[in-house]
Amino acid sequence: MNQSDQLSAILRTVAVKFEVSMDEILSPTRLRPVVYARHAYCYIAAKLLNAGHDNASFVSLQNIGRFINRDHTTVIHSSQKAAPDLIETDKKFSEVVNDCISLCLMATNAASVAFLDYKIAMLQEQLSILLEQRTALLTIEEKASLNRKSLSHA
């Protein structure tokens, strides 16, 4: 999954779980349900995709914000202050965020499994081709050996 796909999956999950549209999250509206969903998106994206520079799925705060038409300071505020405060004080918000995180992790794991299955299939195909080439080479070697023997007896 590339960065855009990861961010899109998180945004879709948050929109569905918070019962707002993705367009509303991307809009400048400040209606409470939309703002909460936006905070959740920033928190989840930063948590799952910004775990550290050594993480293969690292996505910068700038890219997380840019995806929803915001700058990195919005992502910082949402992920480090607003969402954690809401998680601590609002049980429903906390439950929905945890559901979103679980769903996003399952989607990421499913995509990883599908990718690995694809890679295994490709490797199996390559192995099959190599085995065919090996068999062909052995057949050629056997024929060459028989020809050498028949020439030496003649």
Protein backbone atom coordinates (compact mmCIF):
# COMPACT_ATOMS: atom_id res chain seq x y z
CA MET A 1 0.00 0.00 0.00
CA ASN A 2 1.45 3.38 -0.93
CA GLN A 3 1.11 6.52 1.22
CA SER A 4 -1.91 7.85 -0.61
CA ASP A 5 -3.72 4.51 -0.30
CA GLN A 6 -2.91 4.33 3.41
CA LEU A 7 -4.13 7.88 4.07
CA SER A 8 -7.24 7.28 1.98
CA ALA A 9 -8.05 4.06 3.87
CA ILE A 10 -7.71 5.89 7.21
CA LEU A 11 -9.86 8.78 5.97
CA ARG A 12 -12.61 6.43 4.71
CA THR A 13 -12.58 4.48 7.97
CA VAL A 14 -12.80 7.63 10.09
CA ALA A 15 -15.59 9.08 7.93
CA VAL A 16 -17.67 5.92 8.21
CA LYS A 17 -17.13 5.40 11.94
CA PHE A 18 -17.76 9.08 12.79
CA GLU A 19 -20.75 9.20 10.42
CA VAL A 20 -19.54 12.18 8.40
CA SER A 21 -18.55 12.36 4.75
CA MET A 22 -14.97 12.47 3.53
CA ASP A 23 -15.81 15.75 1.79
CA GLU A 24 -16.86 17.24 5.14
CA ILE A 25 -13.53 16.23 6.71
CA LEU A 26 -11.72 17.87 3.79
CA SER A 27 -13.87 21.02 4.01
CA PRO A 28 -13.20 24.05 6.19
CA THR A 29 -16.32 23.43 8.30
CA ARG A 30 -15.98 23.63 12.06
CA LEU A 31 -19.03 21.61 13.01
CA ARG A 32 -18.19 19.53 16.08
CA PRO A 33 -18.73 16.06 14.54
CA VAL A 34 -16.52 16.98 11.59
CA VAL A 35 -13.81 18.53 13.76
CA TYR A 36 -13.79 15.42 15.96
CA ALA A 37 -13.46 13.22 12.88
CA ARG A 38 -10.62 15.42 11.60
CA HIS A 39 -8.84 15.15 14.98
CA ALA A 40 -9.29 11.38 14.88
CA TYR A 41 -7.92 11.16 11.33
CA CYS A 42 -4.80 13.14 12.27
CA TYR A 43 -4.29 11.12 15.46
CA ILE A 44 -4.71 7.75 13.76
CA ALA A 45 -2.60 8.64 10.72
CA ALA A 46 0.20 10.00 12.89
CA LYS A 47 0.01 7.00 15.21
CA LEU A 48 -0.03 4.35 12.49
CA LEU A 49 2.11 5.98 9.81
CA ASN A 50 4.45 8.25 11.72
CA ALA A 51 5.88 5.82 14.25
CA GLY A 52 9.45 6.81 13.43
CA HIS A 53 11.88 7.35 10.60
CA ASP A 54 12.99 3.71 10.67
CA ASN A 55 9.39 2.60 10.06
CA ALA A 56 8.86 1.45 6.46
CA SER A 57 5.45 3.12 6.34
CA PHE A 58 6.60 6.54 7.64
CA VAL A 59 4.47 9.42 6.38
CA SER A 60 5.39 12.98 7.31
CA LEU A 61 3.03 15.22 9.25
CA GLN A 62 3.05 17.56 6.23
CA ASN A 63 1.75 14.76 3.98
CA ILE A 64 -0.86 13.69 6.53
CA GLY A 65 -2.15 17.29 6.70
CA ARG A 66 -1.86 17.94 2.98
CA PHE A 67 -4.13 14.95 2.36
CA ILE A 68 -6.99 16.74 4.17
CA ASN A 69 -6.09 20.25 3.01
CA ARG A 70 -4.43 21.25 6.29
CA ASP A 71 -0.88 22.03 7.33
CA HIS A 72 1.35 20.09 9.68
CA THR A 73 0.51 22.31 12.66
CA THR A 74 -3.10 21.10 12.49
CA VAL A 75 -1.84 17.52 12.51
CA ILE A 76 0.43 18.27 15.48
CA HIS A 77 -2.39 19.91 17.45
CA SER A 78 -4.91 17.18 16.59
CA SER A 79 -2.60 14.22 17.15
CA GLN A 80 -0.74 15.45 20.23
CA LYS A 81 -3.31 17.57 22.07
CA ALA A 82 -6.93 17.54 20.88
CA ALA A 83 -7.44 13.82 20.15
CA PRO A 84 -5.56 12.56 23.25
CA ASP A 85 -7.59 14.95 25.43
CA LEU A 86 -10.83 13.71 23.84
CA ILE A 87 -9.74 10.07 24.23
CA GLU A 88 -9.17 10.73 27.92
CA THR A 89 -12.43 12.60 28.53
CA ASP A 90 -14.93 11.25 25.97
CA LYS A 91 -15.59 7.52 26.19
CA LYS A 92 -17.53 7.39 22.90
CA PHE A 93 -14.76 9.24 21.02
CA SER A 94 -12.19 6.88 22.52
CA GLU A 95 -14.18 3.79 21.48
CA VAL A 96 -14.65 5.04 17.93
CA VAL A 97 -10.95 5.90 17.59
CA ASN A 98 -9.96 2.45 18.86
CA ASP A 99 -12.39 0.84 16.40
CA CYS A 100 -10.87 2.88 13.58
CA ILE A 101 -7.34 1.87 14.57
CA SER A 102 -8.35 -1.81 14.68
CA LEU A 103 -10.01 -1.59 11.27
CA CYS A 104 -7.03 0.21 9.75
CA LEU A 105 -4.60 -2.35 11.16
CA MET A 106 -6.73 -5.20 9.79
CA ALA A 107 -6.82 -3.53 6.36
CA THR A 108 -3.05 -3.04 6.44
CA ASN A 109 -2.52 -6.64 7.49
CA ALA A 110 -4.90 -7.90 4.80
CA ALA A 111 -3.06 -5.84 2.17
CA SER A 112 0.27 -7.17 3.45
CA VAL A 113 -0.98 -10.75 3.29
CA ALA A 114 -2.34 -10.20 -0.24
CA PHE A 115 1.00 -8.70 -1.32
CA LEU A 116 2.92 -11.63 0.18
CA ASP A 117 0.57 -14.10 -1.51
CA TYR A 118 1.26 -12.34 -4.81
CA LYS A 119 5.01 -12.47 -4.23
CA ILE A 120 4.82 -16.19 -3.35
CA ALA A 121 2.86 -16.88 -6.55
CA MET A 122 5.47 -14.99 -8.58
CA LEU A 123 8.32 -16.92 -6.91
CA GLN A 124 6.53 -20.22 -7.52
CA GLU A 125 6.17 -19.32 -11.20
CA GLN A 126 9.87 -18.42 -11.41
CA LEU A 127 10.79 -21.68 -9.67
CA SER A 128 8.67 -23.63 -12.14
CA ILE A 129 10.47 -21.97 -15.06
CA LEU A 130 13.87 -22.70 -13.49
CA LEU A 131 12.92 -26.35 -12.97
CA GLU A 132 11.87 -26.62 -16.63
CA GLN A 133 15.19 -25.08 -17.70
CA ARG A 134 17.08 -27.49 -15.44
CA THR A 135 15.23 -30.47 -16.92
CA ALA A 136 15.96 -29.23 -20.45
CA LEU A 137 19.66 -28.80 -19.63
CA LEU A 138 19.86 -32.29 -18.12
CA THR A 139 18.20 -33.72 -21.22
CA ILE A 140 20.70 -31.93 -23.46
CA GLU A 141 23.60 -33.15 -21.27
CA GLU A 142 22.32 -36.74 -21.40
CA LYS A 143 22.06 -36.59 -25.20
CA ALA A 144 25.54 -35.10 -25.45
CA SER A 145 26.91 -37.84 -23.19
CA LEU A 146 25.26 -40.55 -25.33
CA ASN A 147 26.69 -38.95 -28.47
CA ARG A 148 30.19 -38.92 -26.94
CA LYS A 149 29.86 -42.60 -26.00
CA SER A 150 28.63 -43.59 -29.44
CA LEU A 151 31.46 -41.66 -31.10
CA SER A 152 34.07 -43.29 -28.88
CA HIS A 153 32.77 -46.80 -29.77
CA ALA A 154 32.74 -46.14 -33.46
